[in-house]
C-alpha atoms as a PDB file:
ATOM      1  CA  MET A   1     108.840  90.929 197.784  1.00  0.00           C
ATOM      2  CA  ILE A   2     109.724  94.107 195.544  1.00  0.00           C
ATOM      3  CA  LEU A   3     109.458  97.264 197.685  1.00  0.00           C
ATOM      4  CA  HIS A   4     112.953  98.581 196.776  1.00  0.00           C
ATOM      5  CA  LYS A   5     111.969  98.020 193.062  1.00  0.00           C
ATOM      6  CA  LYS A   6     108.757  99.975 193.369  1.00  0.00           C
ATOM      7  CA  LEU A   7     110.139 102.979 195.691  1.00  0.00           C
ATOM      8  CA  TYR A   8     112.660 103.440 192.664  1.00  0.00           C
ATOM      9  CA  ARG A   9     110.214 103.467 189.870  1.00  0.00           C
ATOM     10  CA  ALA A  10     107.461 105.865 191.458  1.00  0.00           C
ATOM     11  CA  GLY A  11     110.573 107.864 192.733  1.00  0.00           C
ATOM     12  CA  LEU A  12     111.944 109.021 189.486  1.00  0.00           C
ATOM     13  CA  GLY A  13     108.273 109.746 188.428  1.00  0.00           C
ATOM     14  CA  LEU A  14     107.418 111.712 191.293  1.00  0.00           C
ATOM     15  CA  VAL A  15     111.109 113.908 191.050  1.00  0.00           C
ATOM     16  CA  ARG A  16     110.305 114.240 187.487  1.00  0.00           C
ATOM     17  CA  THR A  17     106.878 115.799 188.614  1.00  0.00           C
ATOM     18  CA  VAL A  18     107.877 117.762 191.218  1.00  0.00           C
ATOM     19  CA  SER A  19     110.592 120.058 189.050  1.00  0.00           C
ATOM     20  CA  ALA A  20     108.023 120.103 186.502  1.00  0.00           C
ATOM     21  CA  MET A  21     105.807 122.063 189.047  1.00  0.00           C
ATOM     22  CA  ALA A  22     107.871 123.729 190.846  1.00  0.00           C
ATOM     23  CA  CYS A  23     107.327 126.879 189.084  1.00  0.00           C
ATOM     24  CA  ALA A  24     103.613 126.949 190.044  1.00  0.00           C
ATOM     25  CA  LEU A  25     103.717 126.162 193.744  1.00  0.00           C
ATOM     26  CA  VAL A  26     102.394 129.337 194.422  1.00  0.00           C
ATOM     27  CA  LEU A  27      99.336 128.724 192.346  1.00  0.00           C
ATOM     28  CA  CYS A  28      98.568 125.750 192.721  1.00  0.00           C
ATOM     29  CA  MET A  29      96.837 125.173 195.641  1.00  0.00           C
ATOM     30  CA  PRO A  30      92.670 125.811 195.286  1.00  0.00           C
ATOM     31  CA  VAL A  31      90.184 125.878 197.571  1.00  0.00           C
ATOM     32  CA  LEU A  32      89.237 122.026 197.568  1.00  0.00           C
ATOM     33  CA  ALA A  33      86.089 122.474 199.074  1.00  0.00           C
ATOM     34  CA  GLN A  34      84.568 124.715 196.491  1.00  0.00           C
ATOM     35  CA  VAL A  35      86.321 122.724 193.488  1.00  0.00           C
ATOM     36  CA  ASN A  36      85.347 119.237 191.892  1.00  0.00           C
ATOM     37  CA  LEU A  37      88.318 117.090 192.257  1.00  0.00           C
ATOM     38  CA  ASP A  38      89.364 115.402 189.307  1.00  0.00           C
ATOM     39  CA  PRO A  39      88.948 111.130 189.118  1.00  0.00           C
ATOM     40  CA  PRO A  40      91.431 108.934 189.295  1.00  0.00           C
ATOM     41  CA  ASP A  41      93.758 107.556 187.241  1.00  0.00           C
ATOM     42  CA  ILE A  42      92.997 103.214 186.861  1.00  0.00           C
ATOM     43  CA  ALA A  43      96.513 102.822 186.178  1.00  0.00           C
ATOM     44  CA  GLY A  44      97.923 105.092 188.662  1.00  0.00           C
ATOM     45  CA  GLU A  45     101.432 104.722 189.832  1.00  0.00           C
ATOM     46  CA  PHE A  46     100.325 105.533 193.567  1.00  0.00           C
ATOM     47  CA  ALA A  47      98.011 103.693 195.559  1.00  0.00           C
ATOM     48  CA  PHE A  48      96.218 104.501 199.091  1.00  0.00           C
ATOM     49  CA  VAL A  49      96.685 101.336 201.490  1.00  0.00           C
ATOM     50  CA  ARG A  50      95.018 101.787 204.629  1.00  0.00           C
ATOM     51  CA  VAL A  51      95.961  99.568 207.355  1.00  0.00           C
ATOM     52  CA  GLN A  52      93.191  97.195 209.492  1.00  0.00           C
ATOM     53  CA  TYR A  53      94.998  96.402 212.554  1.00  0.00           C
ATOM     54  CA  ASP A  54      93.288  94.609 215.971  1.00  0.00           C
ATOM     55  CA  SER A  55      93.031  96.333 218.956  1.00  0.00           C
ATOM     56  CA  TYR A  56      93.378  95.529 222.575  1.00  0.00           C
ATOM     57  CA  TYR A  57      89.612  95.730 223.405  1.00  0.00           C
ATOM     58  CA  GLN A  58      86.193  96.943 223.255  1.00  0.00           C
ATOM     59  CA  GLY A  59      85.509  95.033 220.201  1.00  0.00           C
ATOM     60  CA  GLY A  60      88.184  95.559 218.143  1.00  0.00           C
ATOM     61  CA  PHE A  61      89.250  92.347 217.014  1.00  0.00           C
ATOM     62  CA  GLY A  62      88.251  91.192 213.433  1.00  0.00           C
ATOM     63  CA  GLY A  63      85.389  93.738 212.599  1.00  0.00           C
ATOM     64  CA  TYR A  64      85.673  97.709 212.149  1.00  0.00           C
ATOM     65  CA  GLY A  65      87.627  98.714 214.849  1.00  0.00           C
ATOM     66  CA  PRO A  66      89.008 102.433 214.916  1.00  0.00           C
ATOM     67  CA  TRP A  67      91.215 100.997 211.937  1.00  0.00           C
ATOM     68  CA  SER A  68      87.974 101.846 209.790  1.00  0.00           C
ATOM     69  CA  VAL A  69      87.488 105.469 210.997  1.00  0.00           C
ATOM     70  CA  ASP A  70      86.453 108.049 208.171  1.00  0.00           C
ATOM     71  CA  PHE A  71      86.915 105.505 205.693  1.00  0.00           C
ATOM     72  CA  PRO A  72      86.417 105.038 202.530  1.00  0.00           C
ATOM     73  CA  ASP A  73      85.582 108.854 202.027  1.00  0.00           C
ATOM     74  CA  ALA A  74      89.037 110.144 203.526  1.00  0.00           C
ATOM     75  CA  ASP A  75      90.845 107.701 201.493  1.00  0.00           C
ATOM     76  CA  ARG A  76      88.890 108.625 198.450  1.00  0.00           C
ATOM     77  CA  ASN A  77      89.076 112.238 198.935  1.00  0.00           C
ATOM     78  CA  PHE A  78      92.822 112.360 199.218  1.00  0.00           C
ATOM     79  CA  LEU A  79      93.526 110.297 196.121  1.00  0.00           C
ATOM     80  CA  ARG A  80      92.021 112.995 193.829  1.00  0.00           C
ATOM     81  CA  GLY A  81      93.218 115.358 196.073  1.00  0.00           C
ATOM     82  CA  VAL A  82      96.792 114.298 195.026  1.00  0.00           C
ATOM     83  CA  ALA A  83      95.628 113.698 191.091  1.00  0.00           C
ATOM     84  CA  ARG A  84      94.473 117.433 191.330  1.00  0.00           C
ATOM     85  CA  LEU A  85      97.227 119.167 193.232  1.00  0.00           C
ATOM     86  CA  SER A  86     100.157 117.208 191.948  1.00  0.00           C
ATOM     87  CA  ASN A  87      99.579 115.413 188.768  1.00  0.00           C
ATOM     88  CA  ILE A  88     100.526 112.267 190.316  1.00  0.00           C
ATOM     89  CA  ARG A  89      98.363 109.664 188.492  1.00  0.00           C
ATOM     90  CA  VAL A  90      96.696 107.508 191.152  1.00  0.00           C
ATOM     91  CA  MET A  91      94.754 104.366 191.548  1.00  0.00           C
ATOM     92  CA  PRO A  92      90.926 104.312 191.821  1.00  0.00           C
ATOM     93  CA  GLU A  93      89.923 103.187 195.053  1.00  0.00           C
ATOM     94  CA  PRO A  94      91.643 102.842 198.173  1.00  0.00           C
ATOM     95  CA  ILE A  95      93.269  99.311 199.237  1.00  0.00           C
ATOM     96  CA  VAL A  96      92.943  98.369 202.724  1.00  0.00           C
ATOM     97  CA  LEU A  97      95.512  95.884 204.113  1.00  0.00           C
ATOM     98  CA  ARG A  98      96.938  93.858 207.288  1.00  0.00           C
ATOM     99  CA  LEU A  99     100.261  93.923 208.031  1.00  0.00           C
ATOM    100  CA  ASP A 100     101.079  90.111 207.653  1.00  0.00           C
ATOM    101  CA  ASP A 101      99.473  90.560 204.232  1.00  0.00           C
ATOM    102  CA  ASP A 102     103.020  90.517 201.896  1.00  0.00           C
ATOM    103  CA  GLN A 103     101.377  92.785 199.670  1.00  0.00           C
ATOM    104  CA  ILE A 104     102.295  95.927 201.834  1.00  0.00           C
ATOM    105  CA  PHE A 105     105.674  95.340 200.154  1.00  0.00           C
ATOM    106  CA  GLU A 106     104.165  96.390 196.412  1.00  0.00           C
ATOM    107  CA  TYR A 107     103.496  99.684 198.314  1.00  0.00           C
ATOM    108  CA  PRO A 108     105.539 102.524 199.501  1.00  0.00           C
ATOM    109  CA  PHE A 109     103.157 103.924 201.950  1.00  0.00           C
ATOM    110  CA  LEU A 110     100.844 102.679 204.127  1.00  0.00           C
ATOM    111  CA  TYR A 111      98.092 105.388 206.432  1.00  0.00           C
ATOM    112  CA  ALA A 112      97.173 104.003 210.094  1.00  0.00           C
ATOM    113  CA  LEU A 113      94.786 106.059 212.067  1.00  0.00           C
ATOM    114  CA  GLU A 114      93.336 106.141 215.900  1.00  0.00           C
ATOM    115  CA  MET A 115      96.243 103.587 217.328  1.00  0.00           C
ATOM    116  CA  GLY A 116      95.895 104.983 220.568  1.00  0.00           C
ATOM    117  CA  ARG A 117      91.868 104.254 220.999  1.00  0.00           C
ATOM    118  CA  ASN A 118      90.949 100.590 222.107  1.00  0.00           C
ATOM    119  CA  GLY A 119      94.069 100.332 224.333  1.00  0.00           C
ATOM    120  CA  GLY A 120      96.480 100.642 221.368  1.00  0.00           C
ATOM    121  CA  PRO A 121      97.057  98.722 218.326  1.00  0.00           C
ATOM    122  CA  TYR A 122      97.804  95.107 219.049  1.00  0.00           C
ATOM    123  CA  PHE A 123     100.439  93.120 216.811  1.00  0.00           C
ATOM    124  CA  SER A 124     100.652  89.914 216.123  1.00  0.00           C
ATOM    125  CA  PRO A 125     104.358  88.365 215.407  1.00  0.00           C
ATOM    126  CA  ALA A 126     103.789  87.830 212.049  1.00  0.00           C
ATOM    127  CA  GLU A 127     102.745  91.291 211.843  1.00  0.00           C
ATOM    128  CA  LEU A 128     105.499  93.123 213.991  1.00  0.00           C
ATOM    129  CA  SER A 129     108.221  91.075 211.890  1.00  0.00           C
ATOM    130  CA  ASN A 130     106.510  92.050 208.412  1.00  0.00           C
ATOM    131  CA  LEU A 131     105.951  95.545 209.235  1.00  0.00           C
ATOM    132  CA  ARG A 132     109.372  95.830 210.829  1.00  0.00           C
ATOM    133  CA  GLU A 133     110.849  94.094 207.168  1.00  0.00           C
ATOM    134  CA  TYR A 134     108.918  96.778 205.687  1.00  0.00           C
ATOM    135  CA  LEU A 135     109.746  99.857 206.564  1.00  0.00           C
ATOM    136  CA  LEU A 136     113.629  98.513 206.898  1.00  0.00           C
ATOM    137  CA  ARG A 137     113.449  98.186 203.674  1.00  0.00           C
ATOM    138  CA  GLY A 138     112.009 101.296 202.599  1.00  0.00           C
ATOM    139  CA  GLY A 139     108.225 101.778 203.560  1.00  0.00           C
ATOM    140  CA  PHE A 140     106.667 104.365 205.089  1.00  0.00           C
ATOM    141  CA  LEU A 141     103.781 104.890 207.689  1.00  0.00           C
ATOM    142  CA  LEU A 142     101.971 107.544 207.945  1.00  0.00           C
ATOM    143  CA  ILE A 143      99.891 107.271 211.851  1.00  0.00           C
ATOM    144  CA  ASP A 144      97.214 110.063 212.028  1.00  0.00           C
ATOM    145  CA  ASP A 145      94.470 110.997 214.695  1.00  0.00           C
ATOM    146  CA  PHE A 146      95.030 110.114 218.019  1.00  0.00           C
ATOM    147  CA  TRP A 147      94.860 112.853 220.423  1.00  0.00           C
ATOM    148  CA  GLY A 148      96.253 113.199 224.816  1.00  0.00           C
ATOM    149  CA  THR A 149      98.675 111.986 226.839  1.00  0.00           C
ATOM    150  CA  ARG A 150      96.333 108.606 227.403  1.00  0.00           C
ATOM    151  CA  GLU A 151      95.894 107.540 223.808  1.00  0.00           C
ATOM    152  CA  TRP A 152      99.988 108.725 223.182  1.00  0.00           C
ATOM    153  CA  GLN A 153     100.880 105.518 226.232  1.00  0.00           C
ATOM    154  CA  ALA A 154      98.539 103.209 224.956  1.00  0.00           C
ATOM    155  CA  PHE A 155      99.710 103.500 221.429  1.00  0.00           C
ATOM    156  CA  GLU A 156     103.132 103.663 222.515  1.00  0.00           C
ATOM    157  CA  ASN A 157     103.178 100.673 224.428  1.00  0.00           C
ATOM    158  CA  SER A 158     102.288  98.842 221.628  1.00  0.00           C
ATOM    159  CA  PHE A 159     104.232 100.671 218.831  1.00  0.00           C
ATOM    160  CA  THR A 160     107.476 100.419 220.576  1.00  0.00           C
ATOM    161  CA  ALA A 161     107.350  96.714 220.339  1.00  0.00           C
ATOM    162  CA  VAL A 162     108.335  97.528 216.282  1.00  0.00           C
ATOM    163  CA  PHE A 163     111.565  98.794 216.939  1.00  0.00           C
ATOM    164  CA  PRO A 164     112.394  98.697 220.786  1.00  0.00           C
ATOM    165  CA  GLU A 165     116.100  99.748 219.863  1.00  0.00           C
ATOM    166  CA  ARG A 166     114.852 102.817 218.447  1.00  0.00           C
ATOM    167  CA  GLU A 167     113.758 105.788 220.067  1.00  0.00           C
ATOM    168  CA  ILE A 168     110.692 108.323 219.130  1.00  0.00           C
ATOM    169  CA  VAL A 169     111.948 111.624 218.394  1.00  0.00           C
ATOM    170  CA  ARG A 170     109.767 114.504 217.851  1.00  0.00           C
ATOM    171  CA  LEU A 171     110.491 116.849 214.329  1.00  0.00           C
ATOM    172  CA  PRO A 172     111.143 120.677 214.722  1.00  0.00           C
ATOM    173  CA  SER A 173     108.798 122.767 212.568  1.00  0.00           C
ATOM    174  CA  ASP A 174     111.925 123.315 210.030  1.00  0.00           C
ATOM    175  CA  HIS A 175     112.259 119.619 208.959  1.00  0.00           C
ATOM    176  CA  GLU A 176     112.331 119.121 205.370  1.00  0.00           C
ATOM    177  CA  ILE A 177     109.272 117.340 205.266  1.00  0.00           C
ATOM    178  CA  PHE A 178     106.893 120.250 206.180  1.00  0.00           C
ATOM    179  CA  ARG A 179     108.274 121.912 203.235  1.00  0.00           C
ATOM    180  CA  VAL A 180     109.270 119.248 200.490  1.00  0.00           C
ATOM    181  CA  TYR A 181     106.392 120.517 198.495  1.00  0.00           C
ATOM    182  CA  TYR A 182     104.552 122.910 200.147  1.00  0.00           C
ATOM    183  CA  ASP A 183     106.168 125.443 202.063  1.00  0.00           C
ATOM    184  CA  THR A 184     103.952 124.873 205.373  1.00  0.00           C
ATOM    185  CA  GLU A 185     105.052 126.245 209.019  1.00  0.00           C
ATOM    186  CA  GLY A 186     105.399 122.701 210.129  1.00  0.00           C
ATOM    187  CA  PRO A 187     102.942 120.511 213.223  1.00  0.00           C
ATOM    188  CA  GLN A 188      99.088 121.828 212.629  1.00  0.00           C
ATOM    189  CA  MET A 189      96.057 121.026 215.059  1.00  0.00           C
ATOM    190  CA  ILE A 190      93.313 120.011 212.132  1.00  0.00           C
ATOM    191  CA  PRO A 191      89.923 119.450 213.981  1.00  0.00           C
ATOM    192  CA  ALA A 192      87.481 116.836 213.791  1.00  0.00           C
ATOM    193  CA  LEU A 193      84.006 117.773 212.145  1.00  0.00           C
ATOM    194  CA  GLY A 194      81.941 119.576 214.486  1.00  0.00           C
ATOM    195  CA  ASN A 195      84.959 121.418 216.380  1.00  0.00           C
ATOM    196  CA  PRO A 196      85.425 124.822 214.213  1.00  0.00           C
ATOM    197  CA  GLU A 197      87.377 126.748 216.891  1.00  0.00           C
ATOM    198  CA  ASN A 198      89.498 123.705 217.015  1.00  0.00           C
ATOM    199  CA  ILE A 199      90.020 123.207 220.416  1.00  0.00           C
ATOM    200  CA  PRO A 200      92.229 120.875 221.857  1.00  0.00           C
ATOM    201  CA  GLU A 201      90.407 117.522 222.143  1.00  0.00           C
ATOM    202  CA  ARG A 202      92.386 116.515 224.809  1.00  0.00           C
ATOM    203  CA  ASP A 203      94.582 117.141 227.790  1.00  0.00           C
ATOM    204  CA  VAL A 204      97.597 118.463 225.452  1.00  0.00           C
ATOM    205  CA  ALA A 205      97.239 122.074 223.455  1.00  0.00           C
ATOM    206  CA  GLU A 206      99.299 121.978 220.614  1.00  0.00           C
ATOM    207  CA  ALA A 207     100.014 119.389 217.522  1.00  0.00           C
ATOM    208  CA  SER A 208     103.366 117.902 217.117  1.00  0.00           C
ATOM    209  CA  VAL A 209     104.543 115.142 214.441  1.00  0.00           C
ATOM    210  CA  HIS A 210     107.042 112.157 215.896  1.00  0.00           C
ATOM    211  CA  ALA A 211     108.982 109.782 213.546  1.00  0.00           C
ATOM    212  CA  ILE A 212     111.473 106.492 214.214  1.00  0.00           C
ATOM    213  CA  LEU A 213     114.246 107.000 211.288  1.00  0.00           C
ATOM    214  CA  ASP A 214     116.023 104.453 209.793  1.00  0.00           C
ATOM    215  CA  ASP A 215     120.020 104.605 210.531  1.00  0.00           C
ATOM    216  CA  ASP A 216     120.580 107.175 207.685  1.00  0.00           C
ATOM    217  CA  GLY A 217     118.202 109.555 209.123  1.00  0.00           C
ATOM    218  CA  ARG A 218     115.247 108.753 206.785  1.00  0.00           C
ATOM    219  CA  ILE A 219     111.376 108.713 208.607  1.00  0.00           C
ATOM    220  CA  MET A 220     110.153 105.275 208.211  1.00  0.00           C
ATOM    221  CA  VAL A 221     107.114 106.369 210.630  1.00  0.00           C
ATOM    222  CA  LEU A 222     105.683 109.728 210.593  1.00  0.00           C
ATOM    223  CA  ILE A 223     103.314 110.017 213.643  1.00  0.00           C
ATOM    224  CA  ASN A 224     100.575 112.845 214.134  1.00  0.00           C
ATOM    225  CA  TRP A 225     100.060 113.752 216.988  1.00  0.00           C
ATOM    226  CA  ASN A 226      96.713 115.798 218.278  1.00  0.00           C
ATOM    227  CA  THR A 227      95.509 116.600 214.831  1.00  0.00           C
ATOM    228  CA  ASP A 228      93.260 114.635 212.441  1.00  0.00           C
ATOM    229  CA  MET A 229      94.312 114.828 208.938  1.00  0.00           C
ATOM    230  CA  GLY A 230      91.821 112.458 207.957  1.00  0.00           C
ATOM    231  CA  ASP A 231      88.516 114.784 208.673  1.00  0.00           C
ATOM    232  CA  GLY A 232      90.425 117.610 206.721  1.00  0.00           C
ATOM    233  CA  TRP A 233      90.106 115.048 203.618  1.00  0.00           C
ATOM    234  CA  GLU A 234      86.859 113.242 204.818  1.00  0.00           C
ATOM    235  CA  HIS A 235      85.080 116.925 205.223  1.00  0.00           C
ATOM    236  CA  THR A 236      86.192 118.554 202.167  1.00  0.00           C
ATOM    237  CA  TYR A 237      82.930 119.032 200.701  1.00  0.00           C
ATOM    238  CA  HIS A 238      80.794 119.416 204.047  1.00  0.00           C
ATOM    239  CA  PRO A 239      79.706 122.787 204.345  1.00  0.00           C
ATOM    240  CA  ARG A 240      80.349 123.007 208.349  1.00  0.00           C
ATOM    241  CA  TYR A 241      83.987 122.212 207.589  1.00  0.00           C
ATOM    242  CA  PRO A 242      86.535 125.285 207.491  1.00  0.00           C
ATOM    243  CA  THR A 243      87.918 125.377 204.491  1.00  0.00           C
ATOM    244  CA  ARG A 244      91.018 126.558 205.880  1.00  0.00           C
ATOM    245  CA  TYR A 245      91.534 122.981 207.712  1.00  0.00           C
ATOM    246  CA  ALA A 246      90.815 120.802 204.513  1.00  0.00           C
ATOM    247  CA  ASN A 247      93.483 122.681 202.864  1.00  0.00           C
ATOM    248  CA  MET A 248      96.070 122.561 205.343  1.00  0.00           C
ATOM    249  CA  ALA A 249      95.154 118.869 205.164  1.00  0.00           C
ATOM    250  CA  TYR A 250      95.977 117.884 201.334  1.00  0.00           C
ATOM    251  CA  GLN A 251      99.250 120.455 201.952  1.00  0.00           C
ATOM    252  CA  LEU A 252     100.759 117.967 204.341  1.00  0.00           C
ATOM    253  CA  GLY A 253      99.580 114.722 202.895  1.00  0.00           C
ATOM    254  CA  LEU A 254     101.086 115.791 199.821  1.00  0.00           C
ATOM    255  CA  ASN A 255     104.692 116.459 201.660  1.00  0.00           C
ATOM    256  CA  TYR A 256     104.236 113.266 203.405  1.00  0.00           C
ATOM    257  CA  LEU A 257     103.125 111.511 200.495  1.00  0.00           C
ATOM    258  CA  ILE A 258     106.152 112.988 197.968  1.00  0.00           C
ATOM    259  CA  TYR A 259     108.833 112.540 201.320  1.00  0.00           C
ATOM    260  CA  SER A 260     107.962 108.894 201.177  1.00  0.00           C
ATOM    261  CA  MET A 261     108.335 108.340 197.641  1.00  0.00           C
ATOM    262  CA  THR A 262     112.016 110.326 197.251  1.00  0.00           C
ATOM    263  CA  HIS A 263     113.848 109.502 200.624  1.00  0.00           C
END
């Protein structure tokens, strides 16, 4: 289990990358839906790891439940976007791991989505223990794409078992994670395909970003609520998906990634 060593090496590379590109940030965001994204690097330093988890009901166990939404197109497009927009070398294909797999300690960035559906995620004792250790040792988990108070309650009921002693806090719009690479305006509601007017999907009318922090104030778990970055990545090339939302998804995704690798 060598997570800290991985984070240190990857963090140094990313600091060099960010420094080298700082002067060009205002020009480096292309219209993603209208360009060809560069192919990934087979020897890349960043791997996109999606978390496979079980849900409480409605066929979530052992199959293609909510965890697999947008897979693999969203993951692959994000990898290409990272390579294109940051010059970070990326692995060619996304990886899927369960939380009780010790391979998660080889990767400092995990992605999970739809954790409010089907009653919320079901974590085994081994998964809870592994995830807790992973996060306390420097790992970062990004949770995306769940909507409304009912789904929030389902997510919270399950996820508080990871850190029952730690509060889930709402991040202010001026938190550094929203400006570490791209200067964004904080949480943004990114719609699903078929919702070009960006109408809220449930009973909450705005996006917000929440977090679980370690003892030093580092974000261990970042929680996107009422927004769908995955659809922004998945539908980069779709003619009916608004380019401005795809661009926003990449900007925020790069901010979150670079924060995770440098903090």
